[in-house]
Protein backbone atom coordinates (compact mmCIF):
# COMPACT_ATOMS: atom_id res chain seq x y z
CA MET A 1 19.28 15.37 5.09
CA LYS A 2 15.78 14.33 4.01
CA LYS A 3 16.77 10.67 3.98
CA LEU A 4 18.11 10.95 7.52
CA ALA A 5 14.88 12.59 8.70
CA VAL A 6 12.76 9.88 7.07
CA LEU A 7 14.94 7.16 8.57
CA LEU A 8 14.65 8.72 12.02
CA LEU A 9 10.88 9.00 11.66
CA LEU A 10 10.58 5.35 10.65
CA MET A 11 12.75 4.24 13.55
CA LEU A 12 10.61 6.21 16.00
CA SER A 13 7.43 4.69 14.58
CA PHE A 14 8.85 1.18 15.11
CA CYS A 15 9.67 2.04 18.72
CA SER A 16 6.07 2.99 19.37
CA VAL A 17 4.89 -0.28 17.83
CA PHE A 18 7.16 -2.33 20.09
CA ALA A 19 6.04 -0.36 23.13
CA GLN A 20 2.42 -1.34 22.52
CA GLN A 21 2.90 -5.10 22.49
CA ALA A 22 1.94 -5.52 26.15
CA GLN A 23 -1.65 -4.48 25.51
CA ARG A 24 -4.18 -7.10 24.48
CA VAL A 25 -6.79 -6.16 21.89
CA GLU A 26 -9.94 -8.16 22.52
CA MET A 27 -11.43 -7.49 19.11
CA ALA A 28 -8.31 -8.78 17.33
CA ASP A 29 -8.26 -11.88 19.53
CA ALA A 30 -11.92 -12.56 18.76
CA LEU A 31 -11.36 -12.12 15.01
CA ARG A 32 -8.28 -14.33 15.14
CA SER A 33 -10.06 -17.09 17.02
CA SER A 34 -13.00 -17.15 14.61
CA GLY A 35 -10.79 -16.88 11.52
CA LYS A 36 -12.35 -13.62 10.36
CA ILE A 37 -9.08 -11.71 10.66
CA TYR A 38 -8.09 -13.09 7.26
CA VAL A 39 -11.18 -11.53 5.70
CA VAL A 40 -10.24 -8.17 7.21
CA VAL A 41 -6.63 -8.45 6.00
CA VAL A 42 -7.67 -9.45 2.47
CA THR A 43 -10.21 -6.60 2.31
CA ILE A 44 -7.61 -4.04 3.37
CA ALA A 45 -5.11 -5.49 0.88
CA ILE A 46 -7.64 -5.25 -1.95
CA ILE A 47 -8.37 -1.62 -1.06
CA PHE A 48 -4.66 -0.73 -1.02
CA VAL A 49 -4.00 -2.51 -4.32
CA GLY A 50 -6.96 -0.73 -5.90
CA LEU A 51 -5.70 2.64 -4.69
CA ALA A 52 -2.20 1.90 -5.97
CA ILE A 53 -3.49 0.93 -9.42
CA TYR A 54 -5.66 4.05 -9.52
CA LEU A 55 -2.77 6.33 -8.55
CA PHE A 56 -0.40 4.75 -11.08
CA SER A 57 -2.98 5.13 -13.85
CA ILE A 58 -3.47 8.81 -12.96
CA ASP A 59 0.31 9.28 -12.96
CA ARG A 60 0.59 7.68 -16.40
CA ARG A 61 -2.18 9.91 -17.80
CA LEU A 62 -0.58 12.99 -16.29
CA LYS A 63 2.81 12.15 -17.81
CA LYS A 64 1.12 11.68 -21.20
CA ILE A 65 -0.57 15.08 -20.92
CA GLU A 66 2.70 16.74 -19.86
CA LYS A 67 4.52 15.26 -22.88
CA GLU A 68 1.83 16.58 -25.24
CA LYS A 69 2.29 20.12 -23.93
């Protein structure tokens, strides 16, 4: 039941994304034209990778502590 709810939620989120394609975002167009959009994408990717590494390291430490107890 949970998997069905998650699938439905994901499908609804994609519908909202497709519905917003008609709008033009001036800031994104300006960043794309000057080539700065790549800097933004790389910065966001670095932040997400850093958060993922941090969370996995915390998870590993927590598992180690749980095994000791």
